[in-house]
Amino acid sequence: EAAGGDPRRIQDPLALEPGTIFEGRYRLGNELAAIRIVFLTDYQCPDCKIMEGQLKRALASGADIAVSIKHFPISTLCNPNVPQDMHPDACYGAFAAEAAGELGGTEAFWKVHHWLFERDGKFTPADIIAFAATIGLDGSKLRALMDSPTIQQRVKDDIAQGEQLGLRQTPMIFINGVELRGWMAPESLVLAVEQLAASNLPQRSARDDKPPLAE
């Protein structure tokens, strides 16, 4: 069991090296699943919000899915790989989700994750403090944790990994370690999940997923 008493808490993956587990820090679903989805996302990205909607429909299908999130904000505040600050609240959104996970575990992470997409990733410090209280977290502690080097480094680690994978545009989606290309096609993720669910794939863990580096 990981720190904090949450058995679903994942070790921080820092680089795609031998032994690296390709998975976000907070998993929705079981460790062993036939379909393992990793989203590299930005809370102010309109396309990410569209794919988030598809993800909800895929999860509602009853397929054997595990999903986790990695962050790639299109903002110069925390991402040195982007040319301009297109989404000025996106870094703070990622910090908020990670801080919520640190304080309240997997359930808190996903509640903040969904709240951010519902708001198109836009919020003020007062907004996040108030929302934290509704999910049983100390809003002042969450806001302070968002500014901590530990939380911000987690987001920067995700960004570095996205760069290694060749990410230039969010979202970037992997299913069982394979990039879902052509995700802009209508219902692309839903259809991919339907096809994989019909294939009766064996249950595996994120340890089995080996996405290739861009190089």
N, C-alpha and C. Protein backbone atom coordinates (compact mmCIF):
# COMPACT_ATOMS: atom_id res chain seq x y z
N GLU A 1 0.85 -1.19 0.00
CA GLU A 1 0.00 0.00 0.00
C GLU A 1 0.89 1.24 0.00
N ALA A 2 0.51 2.22 -0.81
CA ALA A 2 1.33 3.41 -0.95
C ALA A 2 1.12 4.37 0.21
N ALA A 3 1.96 5.42 0.23
CA ALA A 3 1.86 6.42 1.27
C ALA A 3 0.49 7.06 1.27
N GLY A 4 0.04 7.41 2.47
CA GLY A 4 -1.27 8.05 2.57
C GLY A 4 -2.41 7.07 2.73
N GLY A 5 -2.11 5.75 2.75
CA GLY A 5 -3.14 4.77 2.96
C GLY A 5 -4.03 4.51 1.77
N ASP A 6 -3.69 4.99 0.61
CA ASP A 6 -4.51 4.81 -0.60
C ASP A 6 -3.85 3.76 -1.47
N PRO A 7 -4.41 2.53 -1.57
CA PRO A 7 -3.76 1.47 -2.33
C PRO A 7 -3.71 1.73 -3.81
N ARG A 8 -4.48 2.73 -4.27
CA ARG A 8 -4.49 3.03 -5.71
C ARG A 8 -3.49 4.10 -6.08
N ARG A 9 -2.79 4.65 -5.09
CA ARG A 9 -1.80 5.68 -5.35
C ARG A 9 -0.62 5.07 -6.09
N ILE A 10 -0.19 5.68 -7.16
CA ILE A 10 0.85 5.14 -8.02
C ILE A 10 2.17 5.85 -7.74
N GLN A 11 3.27 5.14 -7.86
CA GLN A 11 4.57 5.77 -7.74
C GLN A 11 4.76 6.78 -8.87
N ASP A 12 5.41 7.88 -8.58
CA ASP A 12 5.61 8.92 -9.57
C ASP A 12 6.53 8.44 -10.68
N PRO A 13 6.05 8.33 -11.92
CA PRO A 13 6.92 7.92 -13.01
C PRO A 13 7.69 9.13 -13.54
N LEU A 14 9.00 9.07 -13.51
CA LEU A 14 9.81 10.23 -13.86
C LEU A 14 10.35 10.18 -15.28
N ALA A 15 10.50 9.02 -15.84
CA ALA A 15 11.04 8.90 -17.18
C ALA A 15 10.70 7.53 -17.73
N LEU A 16 10.66 7.44 -19.06
CA LEU A 16 10.35 6.15 -19.69
C LEU A 16 11.63 5.33 -19.78
N GLU A 17 12.02 4.77 -18.69
CA GLU A 17 13.21 3.95 -18.59
C GLU A 17 12.79 2.56 -18.16
N PRO A 18 13.68 1.57 -18.28
CA PRO A 18 13.33 0.23 -17.82
C PRO A 18 12.81 0.25 -16.39
N GLY A 19 11.68 -0.38 -16.17
CA GLY A 19 11.08 -0.39 -14.84
C GLY A 19 10.05 0.70 -14.63
N THR A 20 9.97 1.67 -15.54
CA THR A 20 8.99 2.75 -15.40
C THR A 20 7.58 2.21 -15.61
N ILE A 21 6.66 2.63 -14.76
CA ILE A 21 5.25 2.27 -14.92
C ILE A 21 4.56 3.42 -15.64
N PHE A 22 4.01 3.15 -16.82
CA PHE A 22 3.37 4.21 -17.61
C PHE A 22 1.93 4.37 -17.14
N GLU A 23 1.77 5.25 -16.18
CA GLU A 23 0.46 5.47 -15.58
C GLU A 23 0.50 6.75 -14.77
N GLY A 24 -0.62 7.47 -14.71
CA GLY A 24 -0.71 8.64 -13.87
C GLY A 24 -0.71 8.25 -12.40
N ARG A 25 -0.70 9.24 -11.54
CA ARG A 25 -0.57 8.96 -10.11
C ARG A 25 -1.86 8.47 -9.46
N TYR A 26 -3.01 8.76 -10.06
CA TYR A 26 -4.29 8.38 -9.44
C TYR A 26 -5.14 7.65 -10.47
N ARG A 27 -5.35 6.38 -10.22
CA ARG A 27 -6.03 5.52 -11.18
C ARG A 27 -7.52 5.43 -10.87
N LEU A 28 -8.33 5.52 -11.93
CA LEU A 28 -9.75 5.23 -11.83
C LEU A 28 -9.94 3.83 -12.41
N GLY A 29 -10.27 2.89 -11.56
CA GLY A 29 -10.37 1.50 -11.99
C GLY A 29 -9.35 0.63 -11.28
N ASN A 30 -9.35 -0.63 -11.62
CA ASN A 30 -8.49 -1.60 -10.95
C ASN A 30 -7.09 -1.63 -11.56
N GLU A 31 -6.13 -2.11 -10.77
CA GLU A 31 -4.76 -2.22 -11.27
C GLU A 31 -4.71 -3.14 -12.48
N LEU A 32 -5.41 -4.26 -12.44
CA LEU A 32 -5.48 -5.18 -13.57
C LEU A 32 -6.73 -4.88 -14.38
N ALA A 33 -6.56 -4.58 -15.64
CA ALA A 33 -7.69 -4.25 -16.52
C ALA A 33 -7.35 -4.65 -17.95
N ALA A 34 -8.36 -4.96 -18.71
CA ALA A 34 -8.14 -5.32 -20.11
C ALA A 34 -7.81 -4.09 -20.95
N ILE A 35 -8.36 -2.93 -20.56
CA ILE A 35 -8.18 -1.70 -21.33
C ILE A 35 -7.63 -0.64 -20.38
N ARG A 36 -6.41 -0.20 -20.64
CA ARG A 36 -5.73 0.75 -19.76
C ARG A 36 -5.48 2.04 -20.54
N ILE A 37 -6.11 3.11 -20.11
CA ILE A 37 -6.08 4.38 -20.83
C ILE A 37 -5.27 5.39 -20.03
N VAL A 38 -4.36 6.08 -20.71
CA VAL A 38 -3.62 7.19 -20.11
C VAL A 38 -3.87 8.43 -20.95
N PHE A 39 -4.39 9.49 -20.31
CA PHE A 39 -4.65 10.76 -20.97
C PHE A 39 -3.55 11.75 -20.60
N LEU A 40 -2.92 12.36 -21.58
CA LEU A 40 -2.07 13.53 -21.33
C LEU A 40 -2.92 14.73 -21.72
N THR A 41 -3.24 15.57 -20.75
CA THR A 41 -4.32 16.52 -20.95
C THR A 41 -4.01 17.89 -20.38
N ASP A 42 -4.92 18.84 -20.68
CA ASP A 42 -4.83 20.24 -20.28
C ASP A 42 -6.25 20.67 -19.95
N TYR A 43 -6.48 21.20 -18.76
CA TYR A 43 -7.84 21.49 -18.31
C TYR A 43 -8.50 22.65 -19.06
N GLN A 44 -7.74 23.42 -19.83
CA GLN A 44 -8.33 24.50 -20.61
C GLN A 44 -8.37 24.18 -22.11
N CYS A 45 -8.08 22.96 -22.46
CA CYS A 45 -8.02 22.54 -23.86
C CYS A 45 -9.41 22.07 -24.31
N PRO A 46 -10.05 22.74 -25.30
CA PRO A 46 -11.39 22.33 -25.74
C PRO A 46 -11.43 20.89 -26.26
N ASP A 47 -10.41 20.48 -27.01
CA ASP A 47 -10.39 19.11 -27.51
C ASP A 47 -10.27 18.10 -26.36
N CYS A 48 -9.53 18.47 -25.32
CA CYS A 48 -9.42 17.59 -24.15
C CYS A 48 -10.78 17.41 -23.50
N LYS A 49 -11.56 18.49 -23.43
CA LYS A 49 -12.89 18.40 -22.83
C LYS A 49 -13.79 17.49 -23.65
N ILE A 50 -13.67 17.55 -24.97
CA ILE A 50 -14.46 16.66 -25.83
C ILE A 50 -14.10 15.21 -25.56
N MET A 51 -12.79 14.94 -25.48
CA MET A 51 -12.35 13.56 -25.24
C MET A 51 -12.68 13.11 -23.83
N GLU A 52 -12.71 14.04 -22.89
CA GLU A 52 -13.14 13.69 -21.54
C GLU A 52 -14.59 13.21 -21.55
N GLY A 53 -15.43 13.84 -22.37
CA GLY A 53 -16.80 13.38 -22.51
C GLY A 53 -16.88 11.98 -23.10
N GLN A 54 -16.02 11.72 -24.09
CA GLN A 54 -15.98 10.37 -24.65
C GLN A 54 -15.52 9.35 -23.62
N LEU A 55 -14.57 9.75 -22.80
CA LEU A 55 -14.08 8.85 -21.76
C LEU A 55 -15.21 8.48 -20.81
N LYS A 56 -16.03 9.45 -20.41
CA LYS A 56 -17.16 9.16 -19.53
C LYS A 56 -18.11 8.17 -20.17
N ARG A 57 -18.36 8.31 -21.48
CA ARG A 57 -19.25 7.38 -22.16
C ARG A 57 -18.63 5.99 -22.25
N ALA A 58 -17.33 5.94 -22.47
CA ALA A 58 -16.64 4.65 -22.53
C ALA A 58 -16.70 3.96 -21.17
N LEU A 59 -16.50 4.71 -20.10
CA LEU A 59 -16.56 4.13 -18.76
C LEU A 59 -17.97 3.63 -18.45
N ALA A 60 -18.98 4.34 -18.95
CA ALA A 60 -20.37 3.94 -18.70
C ALA A 60 -20.76 2.68 -19.45
N SER A 61 -19.93 2.27 -20.41
CA SER A 61 -20.25 1.08 -21.22
C SER A 61 -20.10 -0.21 -20.43
N GLY A 62 -19.40 -0.13 -19.30
CA GLY A 62 -19.19 -1.34 -18.51
C GLY A 62 -17.96 -2.13 -18.90
N ALA A 63 -17.19 -1.62 -19.85
CA ALA A 63 -15.95 -2.30 -20.26
C ALA A 63 -14.95 -2.29 -19.10
N ASP A 64 -14.04 -3.22 -19.16
CA ASP A 64 -13.02 -3.38 -18.11
C ASP A 64 -11.91 -2.37 -18.36
N ILE A 65 -12.06 -1.17 -17.77
CA ILE A 65 -11.18 -0.03 -18.07
C ILE A 65 -10.50 0.47 -16.81
N ALA A 66 -9.24 0.82 -16.95
CA ALA A 66 -8.52 1.60 -15.94
C ALA A 66 -8.02 2.85 -16.64
N VAL A 67 -8.17 3.99 -16.00
CA VAL A 67 -7.75 5.25 -16.64
C VAL A 67 -6.98 6.11 -15.65
N SER A 68 -5.99 6.80 -16.15
CA SER A 68 -5.24 7.73 -15.32
C SER A 68 -4.84 8.94 -16.15
N ILE A 69 -4.40 9.97 -15.46
CA ILE A 69 -4.17 11.28 -16.07
C ILE A 69 -2.72 11.70 -15.90
N LYS A 70 -2.16 12.27 -16.95
CA LYS A 70 -0.90 13.00 -16.88
C LYS A 70 -1.16 14.41 -17.42
N HIS A 71 -0.38 15.35 -16.98
CA HIS A 71 -0.64 16.75 -17.30
C HIS A 71 0.34 17.29 -18.34
N PHE A 72 -0.20 18.08 -19.26
CA PHE A 72 0.63 18.80 -20.23
C PHE A 72 -0.03 20.15 -20.50
N PRO A 73 0.02 21.07 -19.53
CA PRO A 73 -0.62 22.39 -19.72
C PRO A 73 0.06 23.18 -20.84
N ILE A 74 -0.75 23.78 -21.67
CA ILE A 74 -0.20 24.62 -22.74
C ILE A 74 -0.05 26.03 -22.17
N SER A 75 0.89 26.15 -21.26
CA SER A 75 1.13 27.41 -20.57
C SER A 75 2.62 27.52 -20.26
N THR A 76 3.18 28.67 -20.53
CA THR A 76 4.60 28.89 -20.26
C THR A 76 4.89 28.99 -18.76
N LEU A 77 3.86 29.08 -17.95
CA LEU A 77 4.06 29.16 -16.51
C LEU A 77 4.79 27.92 -15.97
N CYS A 78 4.46 26.75 -16.52
CA CYS A 78 5.09 25.52 -16.03
C CYS A 78 5.63 24.64 -17.15
N ASN A 79 5.34 24.99 -18.41
CA ASN A 79 5.72 24.15 -19.54
C ASN A 79 6.69 24.89 -20.45
N PRO A 80 7.98 24.53 -20.41
CA PRO A 80 8.97 25.23 -21.24
C PRO A 80 8.94 24.80 -22.70
N ASN A 81 8.08 23.84 -23.03
CA ASN A 81 8.06 23.28 -24.39
C ASN A 81 7.03 23.93 -25.29
N VAL A 82 6.28 24.91 -24.78
CA VAL A 82 5.25 25.56 -25.59
C VAL A 82 5.67 26.99 -25.89
N PRO A 83 5.33 27.52 -27.07
CA PRO A 83 5.82 28.84 -27.48
C PRO A 83 5.09 30.01 -26.85
N GLN A 84 3.84 29.79 -26.38
CA GLN A 84 3.09 30.90 -25.81
C GLN A 84 2.12 30.40 -24.75
N ASP A 85 1.65 31.32 -23.95
CA ASP A 85 0.77 30.99 -22.83
C ASP A 85 -0.67 30.97 -23.32
N MET A 86 -1.05 29.89 -24.00
CA MET A 86 -2.39 29.81 -24.58
C MET A 86 -3.46 29.58 -23.50
N HIS A 87 -3.10 28.86 -22.45
CA HIS A 87 -4.08 28.49 -21.42
C HIS A 87 -3.53 28.91 -20.05
N PRO A 88 -3.71 30.17 -19.68
CA PRO A 88 -3.02 30.73 -18.51
C PRO A 88 -3.39 30.09 -17.17
N ASP A 89 -4.56 29.43 -17.06
CA ASP A 89 -4.93 28.78 -15.80
C ASP A 89 -4.59 27.29 -15.79
N ALA A 90 -4.06 26.77 -16.90
CA ALA A 90 -3.91 25.32 -17.03
C ALA A 90 -2.90 24.74 -16.05
N CYS A 91 -1.80 25.43 -15.81
CA CYS A 91 -0.82 24.92 -14.84
C CYS A 91 -1.44 24.87 -13.45
N TYR A 92 -2.15 25.94 -13.08
CA TYR A 92 -2.77 25.96 -11.76
C TYR A 92 -3.85 24.88 -11.64
N GLY A 93 -4.53 24.57 -12.74
CA GLY A 93 -5.50 23.49 -12.71
C GLY A 93 -4.82 22.16 -12.41
N ALA A 94 -3.71 21.91 -13.08
CA ALA A 94 -2.96 20.67 -12.82
C ALA A 94 -2.45 20.64 -11.39
N PHE A 95 -1.96 21.79 -10.90
CA PHE A 95 -1.49 21.84 -9.51
C PHE A 95 -2.64 21.54 -8.55
N ALA A 96 -3.83 22.07 -8.86
CA ALA A 96 -4.98 21.88 -7.98
C ALA A 96 -5.38 20.41 -7.91
N ALA A 97 -5.43 19.75 -9.06
CA ALA A 97 -5.80 18.34 -9.08
C ALA A 97 -4.79 17.50 -8.31
N GLU A 98 -3.51 17.77 -8.52
CA GLU A 98 -2.48 17.00 -7.83
C GLU A 98 -2.48 17.29 -6.33
N ALA A 99 -2.72 18.53 -5.94
CA ALA A 99 -2.79 18.87 -4.52
C ALA A 99 -3.99 18.18 -3.87
N ALA A 100 -5.11 18.13 -4.58
CA ALA A 100 -6.28 17.43 -4.05
C ALA A 100 -5.98 15.95 -3.84
N GLY A 101 -5.29 15.35 -4.80
CA GLY A 101 -4.92 13.95 -4.65
C GLY A 101 -4.01 13.72 -3.47
N GLU A 102 -3.08 14.63 -3.26
CA GLU A 102 -2.16 14.51 -2.14
C GLU A 102 -2.90 14.60 -0.81
N LEU A 103 -3.89 15.49 -0.73
CA LEU A 103 -4.63 15.68 0.53
C LEU A 103 -5.72 14.64 0.73
N GLY A 104 -6.40 14.25 -0.35
CA GLY A 104 -7.58 13.40 -0.19
C GLY A 104 -7.57 12.10 -0.96
N GLY A 105 -6.45 11.79 -1.61
CA GLY A 105 -6.36 10.53 -2.32
C GLY A 105 -7.05 10.54 -3.67
N THR A 106 -7.25 9.35 -4.20
CA THR A 106 -7.76 9.17 -5.56
C THR A 106 -9.12 9.83 -5.76
N GLU A 107 -10.03 9.65 -4.81
CA GLU A 107 -11.38 10.21 -4.97
C GLU A 107 -11.33 11.72 -5.08
N ALA A 108 -10.52 12.36 -4.25
CA ALA A 108 -10.43 13.82 -4.30
C ALA A 108 -9.81 14.30 -5.60
N PHE A 109 -8.79 13.59 -6.09
CA PHE A 109 -8.18 13.96 -7.37
C PHE A 109 -9.24 13.99 -8.46
N TRP A 110 -10.03 12.93 -8.57
CA TRP A 110 -10.99 12.85 -9.67
C TRP A 110 -12.13 13.84 -9.52
N LYS A 111 -12.49 14.17 -8.29
CA LYS A 111 -13.54 15.19 -8.11
C LYS A 111 -13.06 16.54 -8.61
N VAL A 112 -11.82 16.89 -8.29
CA VAL A 112 -11.28 18.17 -8.78
C VAL A 112 -11.07 18.10 -10.29
N HIS A 113 -10.60 16.99 -10.79
CA HIS A 113 -10.41 16.80 -12.24
C HIS A 113 -11.71 17.08 -12.99
N HIS A 114 -12.80 16.48 -12.55
CA HIS A 114 -14.08 16.67 -13.23
C HIS A 114 -14.59 18.11 -13.07
N TRP A 115 -14.41 18.67 -11.88
CA TRP A 115 -14.83 20.06 -11.63
C TRP A 115 -14.10 21.01 -12.56
N LEU A 116 -12.82 20.79 -12.77
CA LEU A 116 -12.04 21.68 -13.64
C LEU A 116 -12.55 21.62 -15.08
N PHE A 117 -12.83 20.43 -15.58
CA PHE A 117 -13.34 20.35 -16.95
C PHE A 117 -14.73 20.98 -17.07
N GLU A 118 -15.55 20.84 -16.05
CA GLU A 118 -16.88 21.47 -16.08
C GLU A 118 -16.78 22.99 -16.20
N ARG A 119 -15.69 23.57 -15.68
CA ARG A 119 -15.48 25.01 -15.69
C ARG A 119 -14.54 25.46 -16.81
N ASP A 120 -14.21 24.56 -17.72
CA ASP A 120 -13.24 24.85 -18.78
C ASP A 120 -11.88 25.26 -18.19
N GLY A 121 -11.59 24.73 -17.01
CA GLY A 121 -10.29 24.97 -16.40
C GLY A 121 -10.09 26.35 -15.81
N LYS A 122 -11.13 27.16 -15.75
CA LYS A 122 -11.00 28.54 -15.27
C LYS A 122 -11.49 28.64 -13.83
N PHE A 123 -10.68 29.22 -12.97
CA PHE A 123 -11.07 29.36 -11.58
C PHE A 123 -10.18 30.39 -10.90
N THR A 124 -10.65 30.90 -9.78
CA THR A 124 -9.87 31.82 -8.95
C THR A 124 -9.43 31.06 -7.69
N PRO A 125 -8.46 31.61 -6.95
CA PRO A 125 -8.11 30.97 -5.68
C PRO A 125 -9.32 30.78 -4.77
N ALA A 126 -10.21 31.75 -4.73
CA ALA A 126 -11.40 31.62 -3.89
C ALA A 126 -12.28 30.47 -4.35
N ASP A 127 -12.37 30.27 -5.68
CA ASP A 127 -13.19 29.18 -6.22
C ASP A 127 -12.68 27.83 -5.76
N ILE A 128 -11.38 27.61 -5.86
CA ILE A 128 -10.84 26.29 -5.52
C ILE A 128 -10.92 26.06 -4.01
N ILE A 129 -10.73 27.10 -3.24
CA ILE A 129 -10.85 26.97 -1.78
C ILE A 129 -12.28 26.59 -1.40
N ALA A 130 -13.24 27.23 -2.03
CA ALA A 130 -14.65 26.93 -1.73
C ALA A 130 -15.02 25.53 -2.19
N PHE A 131 -14.56 25.12 -3.38
CA PHE A 131 -14.90 23.79 -3.86
C PHE A 131 -14.26 22.72 -2.99
N ALA A 132 -13.03 22.95 -2.56
CA ALA A 132 -12.36 21.97 -1.71
C ALA A 132 -13.20 21.65 -0.48
N ALA A 133 -13.81 22.66 0.09
CA ALA A 133 -14.63 22.45 1.29
C ALA A 133 -15.82 21.53 1.00
N THR A 134 -16.36 21.59 -0.22
CA THR A 134 -17.52 20.76 -0.55
C THR A 134 -17.15 19.29 -0.69
N ILE A 135 -15.87 18.98 -0.85
CA ILE A 135 -15.45 17.57 -0.96
C ILE A 135 -14.63 17.14 0.25
N GLY A 136 -14.76 17.92 1.33
CA GLY A 136 -14.16 17.52 2.59
C GLY A 136 -12.69 17.81 2.75
N LEU A 137 -12.16 18.74 1.96
CA LEU A 137 -10.75 19.10 2.06
C LEU A 137 -10.61 20.49 2.67
N ASP A 138 -9.48 20.73 3.30
CA ASP A 138 -9.16 22.05 3.82
C ASP A 138 -8.69 22.90 2.65
N GLY A 139 -9.51 23.86 2.25
CA GLY A 139 -9.22 24.66 1.06
C GLY A 139 -7.94 25.46 1.19
N SER A 140 -7.66 25.97 2.37
CA SER A 140 -6.44 26.76 2.55
C SER A 140 -5.21 25.89 2.41
N LYS A 141 -5.28 24.66 2.94
CA LYS A 141 -4.15 23.74 2.79
C LYS A 141 -3.96 23.35 1.32
N LEU A 142 -5.08 23.12 0.63
CA LEU A 142 -4.97 22.76 -0.79
C LEU A 142 -4.34 23.89 -1.57
N ARG A 143 -4.79 25.11 -1.33
CA ARG A 143 -4.24 26.24 -2.07
C ARG A 143 -2.76 26.41 -1.79
N ALA A 144 -2.34 26.23 -0.55
CA ALA A 144 -0.92 26.35 -0.21
C ALA A 144 -0.12 25.24 -0.87
N LEU A 145 -0.69 24.04 -0.90
CA LEU A 145 0.01 22.89 -1.49
C LEU A 145 0.21 23.07 -2.99
N MET A 146 -0.72 23.77 -3.64
CA MET A 146 -0.58 24.03 -5.08
C MET A 146 0.72 24.77 -5.40
N ASP A 147 1.20 25.57 -4.46
CA ASP A 147 2.42 26.35 -4.67
C ASP A 147 3.68 25.61 -4.23
N SER A 148 3.52 24.40 -3.73
CA SER A 148 4.68 23.69 -3.19
C SER A 148 5.54 23.12 -4.31
N PRO A 149 6.85 23.09 -4.12
CA PRO A 149 7.74 22.51 -5.14
C PRO A 149 7.41 21.05 -5.45
N THR A 150 6.97 20.30 -4.45
CA THR A 150 6.68 18.87 -4.66
C THR A 150 5.55 18.69 -5.66
N ILE A 151 4.45 19.40 -5.47
CA ILE A 151 3.31 19.28 -6.37
C ILE A 151 3.65 19.81 -7.76
N GLN A 152 4.30 20.95 -7.82
CA GLN A 152 4.63 21.53 -9.12
C GLN A 152 5.62 20.65 -9.88
N GLN A 153 6.51 19.97 -9.16
CA GLN A 153 7.45 19.10 -9.83
C GLN A 153 6.76 17.90 -10.45
N ARG A 154 5.70 17.40 -9.84
CA ARG A 154 4.96 16.29 -10.42
C ARG A 154 4.40 16.66 -11.79
N VAL A 155 3.87 17.87 -11.89
CA VAL A 155 3.34 18.33 -13.18
C VAL A 155 4.48 18.49 -14.18
N LYS A 156 5.60 19.04 -13.73
CA LYS A 156 6.74 19.21 -14.62
C LYS A 156 7.29 17.86 -15.09
N ASP A 157 7.24 16.85 -14.23
CA ASP A 157 7.66 15.51 -14.63
C ASP A 157 6.76 14.96 -15.73
N ASP A 158 5.45 15.18 -15.59
CA ASP A 158 4.52 14.75 -16.64
C ASP A 158 4.83 15.47 -17.96
N ILE A 159 5.09 16.76 -17.88
CA ILE A 159 5.42 17.54 -19.07
C ILE A 159 6.67 16.98 -19.75
N ALA A 160 7.69 16.68 -18.96
CA ALA A 160 8.92 16.13 -19.53
C ALA A 160 8.65 14.79 -20.19
N GLN A 161 7.80 13.98 -19.59
CA GLN A 161 7.48 12.69 -20.20
C GLN A 161 6.69 12.88 -21.49
N GLY A 162 5.77 13.85 -21.49
CA GLY A 162 5.03 14.14 -22.71
C GLY A 162 5.97 14.56 -23.83
N GLU A 163 6.96 15.35 -23.49
CA GLU A 163 7.95 15.77 -24.48
C GLU A 163 8.70 14.56 -25.03
N GLN A 164 9.07 13.63 -24.16
CA GLN A 164 9.76 12.42 -24.61
C GLN A 164 8.89 11.60 -25.56
N LEU A 165 7.59 11.64 -25.34
CA LEU A 165 6.66 10.88 -26.17
C LEU A 165 6.29 11.60 -27.46
N GLY A 166 6.77 12.83 -27.62
CA GLY A 166 6.52 13.57 -28.84
C GLY A 166 5.27 14.41 -28.82
N LEU A 167 4.77 14.72 -27.63
CA LEU A 167 3.53 15.49 -27.53
C LEU A 167 3.73 16.92 -27.99
N ARG A 168 2.89 17.37 -28.89
CA ARG A 168 2.89 18.75 -29.36
C ARG A 168 1.51 19.39 -29.24
N GLN A 169 0.49 18.56 -29.16
CA GLN A 169 -0.89 19.04 -29.10
C GLN A 169 -1.68 18.15 -28.15
N THR A 170 -2.40 18.76 -27.24
CA THR A 170 -3.24 17.97 -26.35
C THR A 170 -4.62 17.77 -26.97
N PRO A 171 -5.27 16.66 -26.65
CA PRO A 171 -4.80 15.58 -25.79
C PRO A 171 -3.90 14.60 -26.55
N MET A 172 -3.16 13.82 -25.79
CA MET A 172 -2.45 12.66 -26.33
C MET A 172 -2.97 11.47 -25.51
N ILE A 173 -3.43 10.45 -26.19
CA ILE A 173 -4.14 9.35 -25.53
C ILE A 173 -3.46 8.04 -25.86
N PHE A 174 -3.23 7.25 -24.84
CA PHE A 174 -2.66 5.92 -25.03
C PHE A 174 -3.63 4.88 -24.50
N ILE A 175 -3.78 3.80 -25.25
CA ILE A 175 -4.57 2.66 -24.81
C ILE A 175 -3.65 1.46 -24.82
N ASN A 176 -3.44 0.88 -23.66
CA ASN A 176 -2.54 -0.27 -23.50
C ASN A 176 -1.15 0.05 -24.06
N GLY A 177 -0.73 1.30 -23.87
CA GLY A 177 0.60 1.72 -24.29
C GLY A 177 0.73 2.10 -25.75
N VAL A 178 -0.38 2.08 -26.48
CA VAL A 178 -0.37 2.42 -27.91
C VAL A 178 -1.11 3.74 -28.10
N GLU A 179 -0.48 4.67 -28.80
CA GLU A 179 -1.12 5.97 -29.02
C GLU A 179 -2.37 5.85 -29.88
N LEU A 180 -3.44 6.50 -29.43
CA LEU A 180 -4.68 6.57 -30.21
C LEU A 180 -4.54 7.73 -31.19
N ARG A 181 -4.13 7.41 -32.38
CA ARG A 181 -4.03 8.45 -33.41
C ARG A 181 -5.38 8.59 -34.11
N GLY A 182 -5.61 9.74 -34.69
CA GLY A 182 -6.92 9.97 -35.30
C GLY A 182 -8.02 10.16 -34.27
N TRP A 183 -7.64 10.63 -33.06
CA TRP A 183 -8.64 10.81 -32.02
C TRP A 183 -9.66 11.88 -32.37
N MET A 184 -9.36 12.70 -33.38
CA MET A 184 -10.30 13.76 -33.76
C MET A 184 -11.52 13.22 -34.52
N ALA A 185 -11.46 11.97 -34.97
CA ALA A 185 -12.62 11.37 -35.63
C ALA A 185 -13.77 11.23 -34.62
N PRO A 186 -15.01 11.35 -35.08
CA PRO A 186 -16.15 11.28 -34.15
C PRO A 186 -16.15 9.98 -33.34
N GLU A 187 -16.30 10.13 -32.03
CA GLU A 187 -16.41 8.99 -31.11
C GLU A 187 -15.24 8.02 -31.21
N SER A 188 -14.06 8.53 -31.52
CA SER A 188 -12.90 7.68 -31.74
C SER A 188 -12.57 6.83 -30.52
N LEU A 189 -12.59 7.43 -29.34
CA LEU A 189 -12.24 6.68 -28.14
C LEU A 189 -13.32 5.67 -27.79
N VAL A 190 -14.57 6.07 -27.90
CA VAL A 190 -15.68 5.16 -27.61
C VAL A 190 -15.61 3.94 -28.51
N LEU A 191 -15.38 4.17 -29.80
CA LEU A 191 -15.32 3.06 -30.75
C LEU A 191 -14.12 2.17 -30.49
N ALA A 192 -12.98 2.77 -30.14
CA ALA A 192 -11.79 1.97 -29.85
C ALA A 192 -12.03 1.07 -28.65
N VAL A 193 -12.67 1.62 -27.62
CA VAL A 193 -12.96 0.82 -26.44
C VAL A 193 -13.94 -0.30 -26.77
N GLU A 194 -14.95 0.00 -27.57
CA GLU A 194 -15.91 -1.05 -27.96
C GLU A 194 -15.20 -2.19 -28.70
N GLN A 195 -14.30 -1.84 -29.60
CA GLN A 195 -13.61 -2.88 -30.36
C GLN A 195 -12.69 -3.71 -29.47
N LEU A 196 -12.00 -3.05 -28.57
CA LEU A 196 -11.11 -3.78 -27.68
C LEU A 196 -11.89 -4.64 -26.70
N ALA A 197 -13.01 -4.13 -26.21
CA ALA A 197 -13.82 -4.91 -25.28
C ALA A 197 -14.35 -6.17 -25.94
N ALA A 198 -14.65 -6.09 -27.23
CA ALA A 198 -15.14 -7.26 -27.96
C ALA A 198 -14.05 -8.27 -28.25
N SER A 199 -12.80 -7.86 -28.07
CA SER A 199 -11.66 -8.75 -28.37
C SER A 199 -11.29 -9.66 -27.21
N ASN A 200 -11.95 -9.48 -26.06
CA ASN A 200 -11.68 -10.31 -24.89
C ASN A 200 -10.20 -10.32 -24.53
N LEU A 201 -9.62 -9.14 -24.42
CA LEU A 201 -8.21 -9.04 -24.07
C LEU A 201 -7.98 -9.50 -22.63
N PRO A 202 -6.81 -10.04 -22.35
CA PRO A 202 -6.51 -10.43 -20.96
C PRO A 202 -6.29 -9.21 -20.09
N GLN A 203 -6.54 -9.37 -18.82
CA GLN A 203 -6.27 -8.28 -17.87
C GLN A 203 -4.76 -8.18 -17.65
N ARG A 204 -4.27 -6.96 -17.74
CA ARG A 204 -2.87 -6.71 -17.48
C ARG A 204 -2.75 -5.44 -16.65
N SER A 205 -1.54 -5.11 -16.24
CA SER A 205 -1.32 -3.89 -15.48
C SER A 205 -0.53 -2.90 -16.33
N ALA A 206 -0.39 -1.69 -15.81
CA ALA A 206 0.35 -0.65 -16.52
C ALA A 206 1.82 -1.04 -16.70
N ARG A 207 2.30 -1.98 -15.91
CA ARG A 207 3.70 -2.45 -16.06
C ARG A 207 3.93 -3.08 -17.43
N ASP A 208 2.85 -3.53 -18.07
CA ASP A 208 2.97 -4.18 -19.38
C ASP A 208 2.93 -3.20 -20.54
N ASP A 209 2.63 -1.94 -20.27
CA ASP A 209 2.46 -0.96 -21.35
C ASP A 209 3.76 -0.20 -21.59
N LYS A 210 4.25 -0.25 -22.81
CA LYS A 210 5.56 0.30 -23.16
C LYS A 210 5.45 1.24 -24.36
N PRO A 211 4.97 2.46 -24.17
CA PRO A 211 4.87 3.38 -25.31
C PRO A 211 6.26 3.76 -25.80
N PRO A 212 6.45 3.83 -27.11
CA PRO A 212 7.77 4.19 -27.65
C PRO A 212 8.04 5.68 -27.49
N LEU A 213 9.29 6.02 -27.30
CA LEU A 213 9.68 7.42 -27.25
C LEU A 213 9.63 8.02 -28.65
N ALA A 214 9.47 9.32 -28.72
CA ALA A 214 9.37 9.98 -30.02
C ALA A 214 10.62 9.75 -30.88
N GLU A 215 11.78 9.70 -30.23
CA GLU A 215 13.03 9.55 -30.98
C GLU A 215 13.14 8.18 -31.62
